[in-house]
Amino acid sequence: RHAMDVAPPLTALDDSTLIRQRREMRAALEKLPPKSDAARSLTKQYDALTEEFGRRVAWAVDMLLVDPEALGNDALETDLYLLREKLREQAGS
């Protein structure tokens, strides 16, 4: 590969690109024979995208749970407080 062909790290992708690429890979995987070399290779890439997606979701949830009032939405704020308390109860069990 040439230096210009190197894909950026997953952490450099914006959220919409990450979601789009993950959706496109899932669609491509559904068309491939499951045990083919192409499917194995694409599965590794898909798993990496899924891991990055999960990392971002966890970060967003953490941020929301730290300061639910920052949303400026009373209904969501209440739900986040309830979720935070439920998670704390489960952690204490």
C-alpha atoms as a PDB file:
ATOM      1  CA  ARG A   1       0.000   0.000   0.000  1.00  0.00           C
ATOM      2  CA  HIS A   2       1.047   3.533  -0.651  1.00  0.00           C
ATOM      3  CA  ALA A   3       1.195   6.047   2.194  1.00  0.00           C
ATOM      4  CA  MET A   4      -1.838   7.817   0.700  1.00  0.00           C
ATOM      5  CA  ASP A   5      -3.880   4.564   0.755  1.00  0.00           C
ATOM      6  CA  VAL A   6      -3.592   3.996   4.507  1.00  0.00           C
ATOM      7  CA  ALA A   7      -6.982   4.179   6.225  1.00  0.00           C
ATOM      8  CA  PRO A   8      -7.267   6.592   9.138  1.00  0.00           C
ATOM      9  CA  PRO A   9      -7.534   5.027  12.589  1.00  0.00           C
ATOM     10  CA  LEU A  10     -11.089   4.303  13.687  1.00  0.00           C
ATOM     11  CA  THR A  11     -10.804   6.937  16.387  1.00  0.00           C
ATOM     12  CA  ALA A  12     -10.367   9.542  13.638  1.00  0.00           C
ATOM     13  CA  LEU A  13     -13.701   8.713  11.969  1.00  0.00           C
ATOM     14  CA  ASP A  14     -16.646  10.950  12.720  1.00  0.00           C
ATOM     15  CA  ASP A  15     -19.705   9.227  14.180  1.00  0.00           C
ATOM     16  CA  SER A  16     -21.776   9.251  10.993  1.00  0.00           C
ATOM     17  CA  THR A  17     -18.922   7.719   8.962  1.00  0.00           C
ATOM     18  CA  LEU A  18     -18.361   5.041  11.594  1.00  0.00           C
ATOM     19  CA  ILE A  19     -22.062   4.128  11.613  1.00  0.00           C
ATOM     20  CA  ARG A  20     -22.277   4.151   7.807  1.00  0.00           C
ATOM     21  CA  GLN A  21     -19.190   1.954   7.387  1.00  0.00           C
ATOM     22  CA  ARG A  22     -20.467  -0.491  10.004  1.00  0.00           C
ATOM     23  CA  ARG A  23     -23.869  -0.717   8.270  1.00  0.00           C
ATOM     24  CA  GLU A  24     -22.207  -1.238   4.858  1.00  0.00           C
ATOM     25  CA  MET A  25     -19.897  -3.948   6.225  1.00  0.00           C
ATOM     26  CA  ARG A  26     -22.803  -5.769   7.870  1.00  0.00           C
ATOM     27  CA  ALA A  27     -24.692  -5.730   4.549  1.00  0.00           C
ATOM     28  CA  ALA A  28     -21.602  -7.011   2.705  1.00  0.00           C
ATOM     29  CA  LEU A  29     -21.074  -9.773   5.292  1.00  0.00           C
ATOM     30  CA  GLU A  30     -24.622 -11.021   4.798  1.00  0.00           C
ATOM     31  CA  LYS A  31     -23.810 -11.663   1.121  1.00  0.00           C
ATOM     32  CA  LEU A  32     -20.572 -13.586   1.719  1.00  0.00           C
ATOM     33  CA  PRO A  33     -20.190 -17.286   2.476  1.00  0.00           C
ATOM     34  CA  PRO A  34     -19.615 -17.364   6.271  1.00  0.00           C
ATOM     35  CA  LYS A  35     -16.389 -19.400   6.212  1.00  0.00           C
ATOM     36  CA  SER A  36     -14.751 -17.625   3.275  1.00  0.00           C
ATOM     37  CA  ASP A  37     -11.481 -15.718   3.612  1.00  0.00           C
ATOM     38  CA  ALA A  38     -13.290 -12.553   2.566  1.00  0.00           C
ATOM     39  CA  ALA A  39     -15.886 -13.012   5.318  1.00  0.00           C
ATOM     40  CA  ARG A  40     -13.201 -13.629   7.950  1.00  0.00           C
ATOM     41  CA  SER A  41     -11.315 -10.519   6.888  1.00  0.00           C
ATOM     42  CA  LEU A  42     -14.435  -8.377   6.776  1.00  0.00           C
ATOM     43  CA  THR A  43     -15.575  -9.770  10.136  1.00  0.00           C
ATOM     44  CA  LYS A  44     -12.322  -8.576  11.741  1.00  0.00           C
ATOM     45  CA  GLN A  45     -12.907  -5.084  10.345  1.00  0.00           C
ATOM     46  CA  TYR A  46     -16.561  -5.147  11.398  1.00  0.00           C
ATOM     47  CA  ASP A  47     -15.603  -6.263  14.910  1.00  0.00           C
ATOM     48  CA  ALA A  48     -13.123  -3.382  15.157  1.00  0.00           C
ATOM     49  CA  LEU A  49     -15.827  -0.919  14.085  1.00  0.00           C
ATOM     50  CA  THR A  50     -18.229  -2.456  16.595  1.00  0.00           C
ATOM     51  CA  GLU A  51     -15.664  -2.126  19.377  1.00  0.00           C
ATOM     52  CA  GLU A  52     -15.089   1.544  18.536  1.00  0.00           C
ATOM     53  CA  PHE A  53     -18.848   2.122  18.327  1.00  0.00           C
ATOM     54  CA  GLY A  54     -19.290   0.546  21.757  1.00  0.00           C
ATOM     55  CA  ARG A  55     -16.488   2.665  23.188  1.00  0.00           C
ATOM     56  CA  ARG A  56     -18.173   5.828  21.927  1.00  0.00           C
ATOM     57  CA  VAL A  57     -21.590   4.808  23.228  1.00  0.00           C
ATOM     58  CA  ALA A  58     -20.123   4.057  26.659  1.00  0.00           C
ATOM     59  CA  TRP A  59     -18.395   7.450  26.697  1.00  0.00           C
ATOM     60  CA  ALA A  60     -21.615   9.253  25.719  1.00  0.00           C
ATOM     61  CA  VAL A  61     -23.627   7.442  28.382  1.00  0.00           C
ATOM     62  CA  ASP A  62     -20.973   8.235  30.989  1.00  0.00           C
ATOM     63  CA  MET A  63     -21.078  11.915  30.040  1.00  0.00           C
ATOM     64  CA  LEU A  64     -24.869  12.017  30.200  1.00  0.00           C
ATOM     65  CA  LEU A  65     -24.974  10.252  33.545  1.00  0.00           C
ATOM     66  CA  VAL A  66     -22.447  12.660  35.050  1.00  0.00           C
ATOM     67  CA  ASP A  67     -24.602  15.708  34.307  1.00  0.00           C
ATOM     68  CA  PRO A  68     -28.148  14.904  33.116  1.00  0.00           C
ATOM     69  CA  GLU A  69     -29.163  18.561  33.499  1.00  0.00           C
ATOM     70  CA  ALA A  70     -26.788  19.479  30.666  1.00  0.00           C
ATOM     71  CA  LEU A  71     -29.351  18.102  28.209  1.00  0.00           C
ATOM     72  CA  GLY A  72     -31.863  20.793  29.054  1.00  0.00           C
ATOM     73  CA  ASN A  73     -34.675  18.269  28.594  1.00  0.00           C
ATOM     74  CA  ASP A  74     -36.660  17.530  31.746  1.00  0.00           C
ATOM     75  CA  ALA A  75     -38.072  14.201  30.542  1.00  0.00           C
ATOM     76  CA  LEU A  76     -34.682  12.837  29.484  1.00  0.00           C
ATOM     77  CA  GLU A  77     -33.070  14.308  32.583  1.00  0.00           C
ATOM     78  CA  THR A  78     -35.480  12.405  34.825  1.00  0.00           C
ATOM     79  CA  ASP A  79     -34.894   9.171  32.922  1.00  0.00           C
ATOM     80  CA  LEU A  80     -31.128   9.599  33.200  1.00  0.00           C
ATOM     81  CA  TYR A  81     -31.334  10.155  36.947  1.00  0.00           C
ATOM     82  CA  LEU A  82     -33.435   6.986  37.252  1.00  0.00           C
ATOM     83  CA  LEU A  83     -30.970   5.048  35.101  1.00  0.00           C
ATOM     84  CA  ARG A  84     -28.031   6.343  37.111  1.00  0.00           C
ATOM     85  CA  GLU A  85     -29.649   5.247  40.373  1.00  0.00           C
ATOM     86  CA  LYS A  86     -30.515   1.818  38.955  1.00  0.00           C
ATOM     87  CA  LEU A  87     -26.913   1.327  37.775  1.00  0.00           C
ATOM     88  CA  ARG A  88     -25.595   2.355  41.185  1.00  0.00           C
ATOM     89  CA  GLU A  89     -27.937  -0.130  42.883  1.00  0.00           C
ATOM     90  CA  GLN A  90     -26.775  -2.926  40.572  1.00  0.00           C
ATOM     91  CA  ALA A  91     -23.129  -2.045  41.179  1.00  0.00           C
ATOM     92  CA  GLY A  92     -23.736  -2.218  44.929  1.00  0.00           C
ATOM     93  CA  SER A  93     -25.325  -5.679  44.735  1.00  0.00           C
END
